[in-house]
Amino acid sequence: MTQSASASAPHLLGALDQGTSSTRFMIFNRQGGVVSSAQREHRQIYPQAGWVEHAPSEILASSLAVMNEAMQAAGISGKQVAAVGITNQRETAVVWDRTTGEAIYNAVVWQDTRVADTVAHLASHGGQDRFRAITGLPLSTYFSGLKIAWILDHVPGARARAEAGELLFGNIDTYLLWNLTGGAEGGLHATDVTNASRTQLMNLHTLAWDPGMLDVLRVPAAMMPDIRSSSEYFADLKTSSLAGVPICGVLGDQHAALVGQTCFQPGELKNTYGTGCFLLMNTGTSRVDSAAGLLTTLAYRFGNQPAVYALEGSIAVTGSLVQWLRDNLGLIETSADIEALARTVDDNGGVYFVPAFSGLYAPYWKDSARGVIAGLTRYVNKGHLARAVLEATAFQTRDVVAAMEADSGIPLKQLRTDGGMVVNELLMQMQANTLNCSVVRPRMRETTALGAAYAAGLGCGFYKDTDDLRNYWSVDKTWHPDIDPRERDRQYRQWKKAVHRSFDWEEAD
């Protein structure tokens, strides 16, 4: 379909991007340009320290609202949309009633640490890496499998109902897919390989639910969704102004960003700067098992083609650290103010901020770590603290990149960036300095939603192949290192010292 096609012909793609703090629907043209967008935030629920929840019904309502708002803003009908893709916050677990569609408990969010005792118990019998050979993942509070078990154990009668087939599980993609395609009236209960790989229940070799993992994490097979590819026909939408439009793509958010950045060759790497930071490196059709603290995961699978694997480094706190500086300390009025505040000083004044608010993820995997501000003196002011907050993102990214280079044997030449924090040009320069390589910001910065749209376009035949997608990727700005190598090394040594100060702060009961 060319751009000269009639206004009523399907020449657009939609992407539902359900994130940790908000939900957005974006409409793209063939070249990946934004036609329309709508976004709504949802509540962050903190029942107690270390617990993070979302209300599933609120997420569903927001999803329906932004889909309608974006369509209305564009002044188009569903007949003009070829397909829709879904991308989502991963590892956030929802359990709901198959008959009523009601969630039996709030969604337990990926940041939540309530299963820490269970993680410690399982690790005491075989170590933290006892399931890596099967799932590619270390034992951690991060993944959704143990969250399912917690819900079943703490909602009266839930485990028996799940075993009887009365309850369904899904990460957010599955919950939305089921509801948007009919819900209790025949909704599709499915997920894709990328989301399935984040449960710690899927076998990376077979791409199917592993009976042994279901048994050891105590999750009934009857509640699990079908596992599909990331790009194929799933079902037609039954709700909203897009009723009748096919859903043809589903990807976890970080995998969607990899696709949106067109990282289709082994060794290509992107970093998404959002609530946390998530680096994914395409490793091709062969899995690379990490010896350096990374995750082995699915990058994507398009239709019947072989699955493509990735190494991933997940950082829990980056953009949310800026929000913490704003909301908890009141040092800035808006998140965007941090760059100007950090520019009031020339360096960090010797301050290093390790934001281990709920432990450290890759490459350390220290659930017992807690946040540390090191190097404070009377000289330090709020500008130094702001600079240390930004540098924390750059240093954490270097930790993960070093692990990726060690595992893959591929030295990093360029980092492709996306996400909300890439508008901060000081941070991008810090990142280039810390990594000693070029840092590239693409012209289209919303690559997560774009990747979901690309997957949907491939799944419905809107695009021929990935070469079509590569033709539309373009650079907005590139940063190059401009720091003395000795100073780079000195700063990183200090950072590593601060990281080690954060270890084992939380003591076991």
Protein backbone atom coordinates (compact mmCIF):
# COMPACT_ATOMS: atom_id res chain seq x y z
CA MET A 1 0.00 0.00 0.00
CA THR A 2 1.54 3.33 -1.02
CA GLN A 3 1.08 6.71 0.55
CA SER A 4 -1.20 7.61 -2.36
CA ALA A 5 -3.69 5.01 -1.21
CA SER A 6 -7.21 6.19 -0.48
CA ALA A 7 -7.85 7.68 2.94
CA SER A 8 -10.07 4.75 3.89
CA ALA A 9 -7.55 2.03 2.95
CA PRO A 10 -5.49 0.45 5.75
CA HIS A 11 -2.26 2.46 5.53
CA LEU A 12 -1.51 2.96 9.25
CA LEU A 13 -0.37 0.86 12.22
CA GLY A 14 -1.32 1.13 15.90
CA ALA A 15 0.72 0.34 19.03
CA LEU A 16 -0.59 -0.03 22.56
CA ASP A 17 2.36 0.68 24.86
CA GLN A 18 1.51 -0.26 28.45
CA GLY A 19 4.36 0.88 30.70
CA THR A 20 5.18 0.97 34.39
CA SER A 21 3.79 4.45 35.01
CA SER A 22 1.50 5.12 32.05
CA THR A 23 -0.32 3.69 29.06
CA ARG A 24 -0.08 5.13 25.58
CA PHE A 25 -1.55 4.41 22.17
CA MET A 26 0.35 5.61 19.10
CA ILE A 27 -0.59 5.56 15.43
CA PHE A 28 2.24 5.38 12.89
CA ASN A 29 2.47 5.75 9.13
CA ARG A 30 4.48 3.37 6.97
CA GLN A 31 7.71 5.33 7.47
CA GLY A 32 7.38 5.15 11.27
CA GLY A 33 6.21 8.73 11.63
CA VAL A 34 3.75 9.53 14.42
CA VAL A 35 0.24 10.34 13.20
CA SER A 36 -1.41 10.55 16.61
CA SER A 37 -0.77 9.69 20.26
CA ALA A 38 -2.62 9.65 23.58
CA GLN A 39 -1.30 8.82 27.04
CA ARG A 40 -2.62 8.37 30.59
CA GLU A 41 -0.82 7.71 33.86
CA HIS A 42 -2.01 5.13 36.37
CA ARG A 43 -1.54 4.83 40.12
CA GLN A 44 1.52 3.33 41.78
CA ILE A 45 0.35 1.40 44.85
CA TYR A 46 2.81 0.78 47.72
CA PRO A 47 1.09 -1.36 50.40
CA GLN A 48 4.33 -1.65 52.38
CA ALA A 49 8.07 -1.25 51.96
CA GLY A 50 9.32 -3.17 48.93
CA TRP A 51 5.84 -3.87 47.56
CA VAL A 52 4.67 -2.30 44.29
CA GLU A 53 1.25 -2.94 42.78
CA HIS A 54 -1.00 -1.71 39.96
CA ALA A 55 -4.77 -2.00 39.61
CA PRO A 56 -5.40 -4.16 36.50
CA SER A 57 -8.86 -2.69 35.90
CA GLU A 58 -7.33 0.81 35.87
CA ILE A 59 -4.74 -0.27 33.30
CA LEU A 60 -7.44 -1.80 31.11
CA ALA A 61 -9.61 1.32 31.36
CA SER A 62 -6.64 3.53 30.49
CA SER A 63 -5.79 1.32 27.53
CA LEU A 64 -9.29 1.59 26.10
CA ALA A 65 -9.35 5.34 26.71
CA VAL A 66 -6.06 6.13 24.98
CA MET A 67 -6.95 3.97 21.99
CA ASN A 68 -10.15 5.94 21.48
CA GLU A 69 -8.47 9.30 22.17
CA ALA A 70 -5.66 8.72 19.65
CA MET A 71 -8.12 7.62 16.96
CA GLN A 72 -10.33 10.64 17.58
CA ALA A 73 -7.36 13.02 17.55
CA ALA A 74 -6.26 11.63 14.19
CA GLY A 75 -9.80 11.73 12.81
CA ILE A 76 -9.56 8.23 11.40
CA SER A 77 -11.53 5.00 11.54
CA GLY A 78 -10.43 1.45 12.21
CA LYS A 79 -10.62 0.70 8.48
CA GLN A 80 -7.49 2.79 7.98
CA VAL A 81 -5.43 0.76 10.49
CA ALA A 82 -3.86 -2.39 9.08
CA ALA A 83 -2.97 -3.95 12.45
CA VAL A 84 -2.21 -3.22 16.10
CA GLY A 85 0.75 -4.33 18.20
CA ILE A 86 0.92 -4.61 21.98
CA THR A 87 4.01 -3.92 24.07
CA ASN A 88 4.11 -3.98 27.83
CA GLN A 89 5.94 -3.73 31.13
CA ARG A 90 7.32 -7.20 31.70
CA GLU A 91 7.42 -9.45 34.78
CA THR A 92 4.30 -7.80 36.21
CA ALA A 93 1.92 -10.61 37.16
CA VAL A 94 -1.87 -10.60 36.95
CA VAL A 95 -4.19 -13.43 38.01
CA TRP A 96 -7.85 -13.15 37.09
CA ASP A 97 -11.13 -15.08 37.03
CA ARG A 98 -11.78 -16.83 33.72
CA THR A 99 -15.56 -16.31 34.02
CA THR A 100 -15.86 -12.76 35.35
CA GLY A 101 -12.61 -11.23 34.13
CA GLU A 102 -12.00 -9.76 37.58
CA ALA A 103 -8.44 -9.80 38.90
CA ILE A 104 -8.28 -11.64 42.22
CA TYR A 105 -5.47 -9.37 43.44
CA ASN A 106 -3.65 -6.26 42.23
CA ALA A 107 -0.96 -6.75 39.60
CA VAL A 108 2.35 -7.44 41.36
CA VAL A 109 4.86 -5.20 39.58
CA TRP A 110 8.32 -6.17 38.33
CA GLN A 111 9.95 -3.89 40.93
CA ASP A 112 8.22 -5.69 43.82
CA THR A 113 10.45 -7.61 46.28
CA ARG A 114 7.92 -9.47 48.43
CA VAL A 115 9.15 -12.89 47.30
CA ALA A 116 12.71 -12.27 48.55
CA ASP A 117 12.43 -14.96 51.24
CA THR A 118 11.31 -17.52 48.67
CA VAL A 119 14.20 -16.56 46.41
CA ALA A 120 16.63 -17.06 49.28
CA HIS A 121 15.09 -20.43 50.15
CA LEU A 122 15.31 -21.71 46.57
CA ALA A 123 18.86 -20.40 46.19
CA SER A 124 19.92 -22.24 49.34
CA HIS A 125 19.27 -25.50 47.46
CA GLY A 126 21.43 -25.22 44.36
CA GLY A 127 22.47 -21.60 44.25
CA GLN A 128 21.15 -18.47 42.58
CA ASP A 129 21.88 -19.86 39.11
CA ARG A 130 20.24 -23.26 39.57
CA PHE A 131 17.66 -22.57 36.80
CA ARG A 132 19.86 -20.67 34.33
CA ALA A 133 20.40 -23.67 32.06
CA ILE A 134 16.64 -23.98 31.56
CA THR A 135 15.38 -20.39 31.71
CA GLY A 136 18.47 -18.22 31.15
CA LEU A 137 17.62 -16.36 34.34
CA PRO A 138 19.03 -16.19 37.88
CA LEU A 139 16.80 -16.53 40.89
CA SER A 140 15.48 -13.07 41.65
CA THR A 141 12.41 -11.21 42.88
CA TYR A 142 12.30 -9.67 39.39
CA PHE A 143 10.51 -12.39 37.41
CA SER A 144 6.80 -13.15 37.45
CA GLY A 145 6.73 -16.89 38.24
CA LEU A 146 7.19 -16.50 41.98
CA LYS A 147 4.75 -13.59 42.01
CA ILE A 148 2.06 -15.95 40.68
CA ALA A 149 2.75 -18.39 43.50
CA TRP A 150 2.58 -15.57 46.07
CA ILE A 151 -0.86 -14.49 44.83
CA LEU A 152 -2.15 -18.08 44.87
CA ASP A 153 -0.85 -18.57 48.41
CA HIS A 154 -2.25 -15.34 49.84
CA VAL A 155 -5.70 -15.06 48.27
CA PRO A 156 -8.03 -17.51 50.04
CA GLY A 157 -8.99 -20.43 47.82
CA ALA A 158 -6.97 -19.17 44.86
CA ARG A 159 -4.63 -22.14 44.52
CA ALA A 160 -7.44 -24.68 44.35
CA ARG A 161 -9.30 -22.52 41.84
CA ALA A 162 -6.18 -22.19 39.69
CA GLU A 163 -5.63 -25.94 39.67
CA ALA A 164 -9.27 -26.39 38.65
CA GLY A 165 -8.76 -24.10 35.65
CA GLU A 166 -10.93 -21.29 37.00
CA LEU A 167 -8.12 -18.71 37.09
CA LEU A 168 -5.85 -17.35 34.36
CA PHE A 169 -2.37 -15.87 34.57
CA GLY A 170 -0.68 -13.38 32.36
CA ASN A 171 1.91 -10.68 32.24
CA ILE A 172 0.24 -7.41 31.25
CA ASP A 173 0.35 -8.29 27.53
CA THR A 174 -1.76 -11.39 28.14
CA TYR A 175 -4.23 -9.60 30.40
CA LEU A 176 -4.79 -6.89 27.78
CA LEU A 177 -4.91 -9.34 24.85
CA TRP A 178 -7.55 -11.45 26.58
CA ASN A 179 -9.70 -8.45 27.49
CA LEU A 180 -9.38 -6.64 24.16
CA THR A 181 -10.34 -9.73 22.14
CA GLY A 182 -13.51 -10.67 24.00
CA GLY A 183 -12.58 -11.34 27.61
CA ALA A 184 -14.90 -13.91 29.18
CA GLU A 185 -16.70 -14.14 25.83
CA GLY A 186 -13.94 -15.95 23.98
CA GLY A 187 -10.93 -13.69 24.59
CA LEU A 188 -7.59 -15.08 23.43
CA HIS A 189 -5.41 -16.30 26.30
CA ALA A 190 -1.93 -16.10 24.79
CA THR A 191 1.47 -14.47 25.11
CA ASP A 192 4.58 -14.22 22.97
CA VAL A 193 8.00 -15.77 23.48
CA THR A 194 9.57 -12.57 24.82
CA ASN A 195 7.06 -12.15 27.63
CA ALA A 196 7.04 -15.88 28.34
CA SER A 197 10.83 -15.79 28.73
CA ARG A 198 10.41 -13.32 31.64
CA THR A 199 8.35 -15.61 33.86
CA GLN A 200 11.19 -18.04 34.73
CA LEU A 201 8.78 -20.75 33.62
CA MET A 202 9.61 -21.08 29.90
CA ASN A 203 12.27 -23.44 28.62
CA LEU A 204 14.65 -21.47 26.38
CA HIS A 205 15.34 -24.57 24.26
CA THR A 206 11.76 -25.70 23.60
CA LEU A 207 10.06 -22.27 23.85
CA ALA A 208 7.33 -24.02 25.88
CA TRP A 209 6.33 -23.96 29.54
CA ASP A 210 8.75 -26.22 31.39
CA PRO A 211 6.94 -28.83 33.54
CA GLY A 212 9.80 -28.94 36.03
CA MET A 213 9.81 -25.17 36.50
CA LEU A 214 6.02 -25.08 36.92
CA ASP A 215 6.38 -27.75 39.58
CA VAL A 216 9.24 -26.19 41.56
CA LEU A 217 7.70 -22.69 41.51
CA ARG A 218 4.28 -24.22 42.28
CA VAL A 219 2.35 -22.73 39.34
CA PRO A 220 -0.55 -24.79 37.91
CA ALA A 221 -0.22 -25.40 34.17
CA ALA A 222 -3.97 -24.90 33.74
CA MET A 223 -3.65 -21.14 34.23
CA MET A 224 -0.85 -20.54 31.72
CA PRO A 225 -1.39 -18.86 28.32
CA ASP A 226 -0.43 -20.28 24.92
CA ILE A 227 3.01 -19.17 23.74
CA ARG A 228 3.10 -17.61 20.25
CA SER A 229 5.66 -15.81 18.14
CA SER A 230 6.06 -12.03 18.50
CA SER A 231 4.73 -11.29 15.03
CA GLU A 232 1.71 -13.17 13.70
CA TYR A 233 -2.07 -12.92 13.66
CA PHE A 234 -3.38 -13.24 17.22
CA ALA A 235 -7.06 -12.18 17.10
CA ASP A 236 -9.28 -9.25 16.15
CA LEU A 237 -9.99 -6.44 18.58
CA LYS A 238 -13.56 -6.62 19.92
CA THR A 239 -13.61 -3.31 21.80
CA SER A 240 -12.91 0.40 21.26
CA SER A 241 -13.00 2.34 18.01
CA LEU A 242 -10.58 -0.26 16.59
CA ALA A 243 -13.05 -3.16 16.74
CA GLY A 244 -12.33 -5.57 13.91
CA VAL A 245 -8.68 -4.56 13.50
CA PRO A 246 -6.30 -7.52 13.92
CA ILE A 247 -3.68 -7.71 16.66
CA CYS A 248 -0.58 -9.00 14.84
CA GLY A 249 2.29 -8.22 17.19
CA VAL A 250 3.10 -8.74 20.89
CA LEU A 251 6.47 -7.93 22.48
CA GLY A 252 7.75 -7.14 25.93
CA ASP A 253 8.72 -3.48 26.04
CA GLN A 254 12.49 -3.89 25.89
CA HIS A 255 12.30 -6.39 23.05
CA ALA A 256 10.00 -4.00 21.22
CA ALA A 257 12.60 -1.25 21.61
CA LEU A 258 15.25 -3.57 20.13
CA VAL A 259 12.98 -4.10 17.11
CA GLY A 260 12.17 -0.37 16.93
CA GLN A 261 15.92 0.34 16.84
CA THR A 262 16.22 -2.23 14.00
CA CYS A 263 18.92 -4.16 15.89
CA PHE A 264 18.53 -7.23 13.72
CA GLN A 265 22.20 -8.26 13.47
CA PRO A 266 24.19 -10.12 16.16
CA GLY A 267 26.18 -7.66 18.27
CA GLU A 268 23.80 -4.73 17.79
CA LEU A 269 22.85 -3.18 21.12
CA LYS A 270 20.32 -0.69 22.43
CA ASN A 271 19.67 0.90 25.82
CA THR A 272 16.24 2.15 26.86
CA TYR A 273 16.35 4.91 29.47
CA GLY A 274 13.07 4.87 31.35
CA THR A 275 11.98 4.06 34.91
CA GLY A 276 14.93 1.69 34.80
CA CYS A 277 17.51 1.04 32.09
CA PHE A 278 17.41 -2.03 29.91
CA LEU A 279 20.23 -3.01 27.58
CA LEU A 280 19.65 -5.74 25.01
CA MET A 281 22.24 -7.17 22.64
CA ASN A 282 21.12 -9.30 19.70
CA THR A 283 23.07 -12.58 19.79
CA GLY A 284 21.40 -14.24 16.78
CA THR A 285 19.69 -17.61 16.63
CA SER A 286 22.04 -19.19 19.17
CA ARG A 287 21.63 -18.45 22.85
CA VAL A 288 24.64 -17.09 24.74
CA ASP A 289 24.78 -18.23 28.35
CA SER A 290 26.07 -15.47 30.58
CA ALA A 291 28.97 -15.92 32.95
CA ALA A 292 28.98 -12.24 33.88
CA GLY A 293 25.62 -11.71 35.55
CA LEU A 294 23.40 -11.02 32.53
CA LEU A 295 20.13 -12.59 31.45
CA THR A 296 19.75 -14.85 28.44
CA THR A 297 16.41 -14.05 26.90
CA LEU A 298 14.42 -14.03 23.67
CA ALA A 299 14.98 -11.00 21.47
CA TYR A 300 11.98 -11.75 19.24
CA ARG A 301 10.51 -14.35 16.94
CA PHE A 302 8.87 -13.29 13.68
CA GLY A 303 6.27 -15.75 12.41
CA ASN A 304 7.73 -19.19 11.68
CA GLN A 305 11.30 -17.95 11.46
CA PRO A 306 13.85 -19.19 14.02
CA ALA A 307 13.77 -17.43 17.36
CA VAL A 308 16.42 -14.75 17.90
CA TYR A 309 18.09 -14.56 21.33
CA ALA A 310 19.57 -11.69 23.30
CA LEU A 311 21.72 -10.88 26.29
CA GLU A 312 20.04 -8.43 28.62
CA GLY A 313 21.19 -6.27 31.47
CA SER A 314 18.39 -4.84 33.58
CA ILE A 315 18.92 -1.82 35.84
CA ALA A 316 16.11 -1.18 38.30
CA VAL A 317 16.48 2.53 39.06
CA THR A 318 17.47 5.26 36.60
CA GLY A 319 14.65 7.61 35.57
CA SER A 320 12.86 6.80 38.81
CA LEU A 321 15.91 8.16 40.67
CA VAL A 322 15.27 11.55 39.07
CA GLN A 323 11.63 11.27 40.17
CA TRP A 324 12.83 10.45 43.70
CA LEU A 325 15.00 13.56 43.73
CA ARG A 326 11.92 15.54 42.66
CA ASP A 327 9.23 13.95 44.83
CA ASN A 328 11.06 12.84 47.97
CA LEU A 329 13.71 15.53 48.34
CA GLY A 330 12.07 18.40 46.44
CA LEU A 331 15.36 19.52 44.86
CA ILE A 332 13.71 20.03 41.46
CA GLU A 333 10.16 20.91 40.41
CA THR A 334 10.05 18.76 37.26
CA SER A 335 12.21 15.88 36.07
CA ALA A 336 13.45 18.01 33.18
CA ASP A 337 15.00 20.47 35.67
CA ILE A 338 17.75 18.05 36.66
CA GLU A 339 19.91 18.82 33.64
CA ALA A 340 20.06 22.55 34.39
CA LEU A 341 20.77 21.87 38.09
CA ALA A 342 23.54 19.40 37.22
CA ARG A 343 25.11 21.95 34.86
CA THR A 344 25.58 24.42 37.74
CA VAL A 345 28.69 22.45 38.72
CA ASP A 346 31.62 21.11 36.68
CA ASP A 347 31.85 17.70 38.34
CA ASN A 348 30.21 15.53 40.99
CA GLY A 349 32.24 16.99 43.87
CA GLY A 350 33.33 13.47 44.81
CA VAL A 351 29.76 12.20 45.30
CA TYR A 352 28.55 8.83 43.99
CA PHE A 353 24.92 7.70 44.26
CA VAL A 354 24.12 3.96 44.11
CA PRO A 355 20.30 3.76 43.81
CA ALA A 356 19.82 0.24 45.15
CA PHE A 357 16.37 1.09 46.54
CA SER A 358 15.15 -2.49 46.15
CA GLY A 359 18.43 -4.28 45.54
CA LEU A 360 20.73 -4.33 42.53
CA TYR A 361 19.92 -6.06 39.25
CA ALA A 362 22.48 -6.86 36.52
CA PRO A 363 25.28 -7.66 36.75
CA TYR A 364 25.30 -7.91 40.56
CA TRP A 365 21.92 -9.48 41.47
CA LYS A 366 22.08 -8.39 45.10
CA ASP A 367 18.56 -8.34 46.57
CA SER A 368 20.02 -7.29 49.94
CA ALA A 369 21.73 -4.16 48.60
CA ARG A 370 20.27 -0.75 49.49
CA GLY A 371 20.84 2.80 48.30
CA VAL A 372 24.08 4.57 49.17
CA ILE A 373 25.33 8.13 48.73
CA ALA A 374 29.12 8.06 49.15
CA GLY A 375 31.74 10.78 49.26
CA LEU A 376 29.77 13.52 51.02
CA THR A 377 31.69 16.53 52.34
CA ARG A 378 30.70 20.06 53.43
CA TYR A 379 31.66 21.22 49.92
CA VAL A 380 28.85 19.25 48.26
CA ASN A 381 25.71 21.10 47.14
CA LYS A 382 22.51 20.13 45.36
CA GLY A 383 24.15 20.57 41.96
CA HIS A 384 26.71 17.89 42.82
CA LEU A 385 23.93 15.60 43.98
CA ALA A 386 22.00 16.15 40.74
CA ARG A 387 25.11 15.35 38.74
CA ALA A 388 25.70 12.18 40.77
CA VAL A 389 22.10 11.12 40.06
CA LEU A 390 22.67 11.37 36.30
CA GLU A 391 26.08 9.71 36.53
CA ALA A 392 24.49 6.78 38.37
CA THR A 393 22.63 5.92 35.16
CA ALA A 394 25.80 6.19 33.07
CA PHE A 395 27.89 4.11 35.48
CA GLN A 396 25.25 1.39 35.84
CA THR A 397 25.07 1.18 32.06
CA ARG A 398 28.85 0.75 31.89
CA ASP A 399 28.62 -2.11 34.39
CA VAL A 400 26.20 -3.92 32.09
CA VAL A 401 28.09 -3.15 28.87
CA ALA A 402 31.29 -4.55 30.38
CA ALA A 403 29.44 -7.76 31.21
CA MET A 404 28.03 -7.97 27.67
CA GLU A 405 31.45 -7.53 26.12
CA ALA A 406 32.81 -10.29 28.39
CA ASP A 407 30.00 -12.72 27.53
CA SER A 408 29.76 -12.05 23.80
CA GLY A 409 33.38 -11.30 23.00
CA ILE A 410 32.14 -8.33 20.93
CA PRO A 411 33.56 -4.89 21.84
CA LEU A 412 30.96 -2.11 21.84
CA LYS A 413 31.41 0.42 19.05
CA GLN A 414 28.10 2.25 19.27
CA LEU A 415 25.19 2.44 21.71
CA ARG A 416 21.72 3.16 20.34
CA THR A 417 19.55 4.92 22.89
CA ASP A 418 15.84 5.55 23.38
CA GLY A 419 13.33 6.31 26.12
CA GLY A 420 12.35 9.38 28.06
CA MET A 421 15.78 10.26 29.47
CA VAL A 422 17.49 10.66 26.06
CA VAL A 423 16.28 14.28 25.88
CA ASN A 424 18.86 14.97 28.61
CA GLU A 425 21.91 15.86 26.53
CA LEU A 426 24.22 16.09 29.54
CA LEU A 427 23.37 12.48 30.39
CA MET A 428 24.06 11.39 26.80
CA GLN A 429 27.49 13.05 26.93
CA MET A 430 28.17 11.43 30.31
CA GLN A 431 27.24 8.08 28.76
CA ALA A 432 29.65 8.53 25.85
CA ASN A 433 32.41 9.53 28.27
CA THR A 434 31.80 6.60 30.59
CA LEU A 435 31.61 3.99 27.82
CA ASN A 436 34.33 5.51 25.60
CA CYS A 437 32.19 5.00 22.50
CA SER A 438 29.68 6.92 20.40
CA VAL A 439 26.13 7.26 21.74
CA VAL A 440 23.39 7.64 19.14
CA ARG A 441 19.90 9.06 19.57
CA PRO A 442 17.54 8.10 16.71
CA ARG A 443 15.17 10.56 15.09
CA MET A 444 12.24 8.48 16.39
CA ARG A 445 12.76 8.26 20.15
CA GLU A 446 9.62 6.29 21.01
CA THR A 447 11.10 3.05 19.76
CA THR A 448 9.17 0.80 22.14
CA ALA A 449 5.80 1.66 20.59
CA LEU A 450 7.40 1.74 17.15
CA GLY A 451 8.77 -1.78 17.62
CA ALA A 452 5.31 -3.08 18.50
CA ALA A 453 3.93 -1.41 15.37
CA TYR A 454 6.75 -2.91 13.29
CA ALA A 455 6.01 -6.40 14.64
CA ALA A 456 2.32 -5.95 13.81
CA GLY A 457 3.23 -4.69 10.33
CA LEU A 458 5.43 -7.72 9.67
CA GLY A 459 2.72 -10.01 11.04
CA CYS A 460 0.03 -8.74 8.69
CA GLY A 461 2.21 -8.34 5.61
CA PHE A 462 2.24 -4.53 5.78
CA TYR A 463 6.05 -4.78 5.61
CA LYS A 464 7.89 -7.31 3.46
CA ASP A 465 10.83 -7.96 5.80
CA THR A 466 13.25 -6.37 8.26
CA ASP A 467 15.15 -4.63 5.45
CA ASP A 468 12.04 -2.51 4.94
CA LEU A 469 12.30 -1.42 8.57
CA ARG A 470 16.02 -0.64 8.42
CA ASN A 471 15.37 1.83 5.61
CA TYR A 472 13.27 3.99 7.95
CA TRP A 473 15.74 4.20 10.88
CA SER A 474 17.71 7.46 11.04
CA VAL A 475 20.00 9.33 13.45
CA ASP A 476 19.03 12.52 15.27
CA LYS A 477 22.26 13.21 17.18
CA THR A 478 25.53 11.46 18.09
CA TRP A 479 27.76 12.09 21.12
CA HIS A 480 31.47 11.22 21.23
CA PRO A 481 33.75 10.87 24.29
CA ASP A 482 35.45 14.09 25.41
CA ILE A 483 37.05 13.08 28.72
CA ASP A 484 40.63 12.31 29.67
CA PRO A 485 41.00 8.50 29.86
CA ARG A 486 42.70 8.70 33.27
CA GLU A 487 39.77 10.68 34.66
CA ARG A 488 37.32 8.18 33.18
CA ASP A 489 39.13 5.33 34.90
CA ARG A 490 39.35 7.21 38.22
CA GLN A 491 35.64 7.97 38.27
CA TYR A 492 34.74 4.38 37.50
CA ARG A 493 36.98 3.07 40.29
CA GLN A 494 35.21 5.37 42.73
CA TRP A 495 31.84 4.20 41.45
CA LYS A 496 32.77 0.55 41.99
CA LYS A 497 33.83 1.34 45.55
CA ALA A 498 30.44 2.93 46.22
CA VAL A 499 28.61 -0.05 44.70
CA HIS A 500 30.37 -2.46 47.04
CA ARG A 501 29.38 -0.29 50.01
CA SER A 502 25.73 -0.98 49.14
CA PHE A 503 26.04 -4.78 49.32
CA ASP A 504 24.31 -6.79 52.09
CA TRP A 505 22.82 -3.76 53.83
CA GLU A 506 19.51 -5.55 54.37
CA GLU A 507 20.00 -8.34 56.88
CA ALA A 508 18.08 -11.60 56.79
CA ASP A 509 15.60 -12.13 59.62
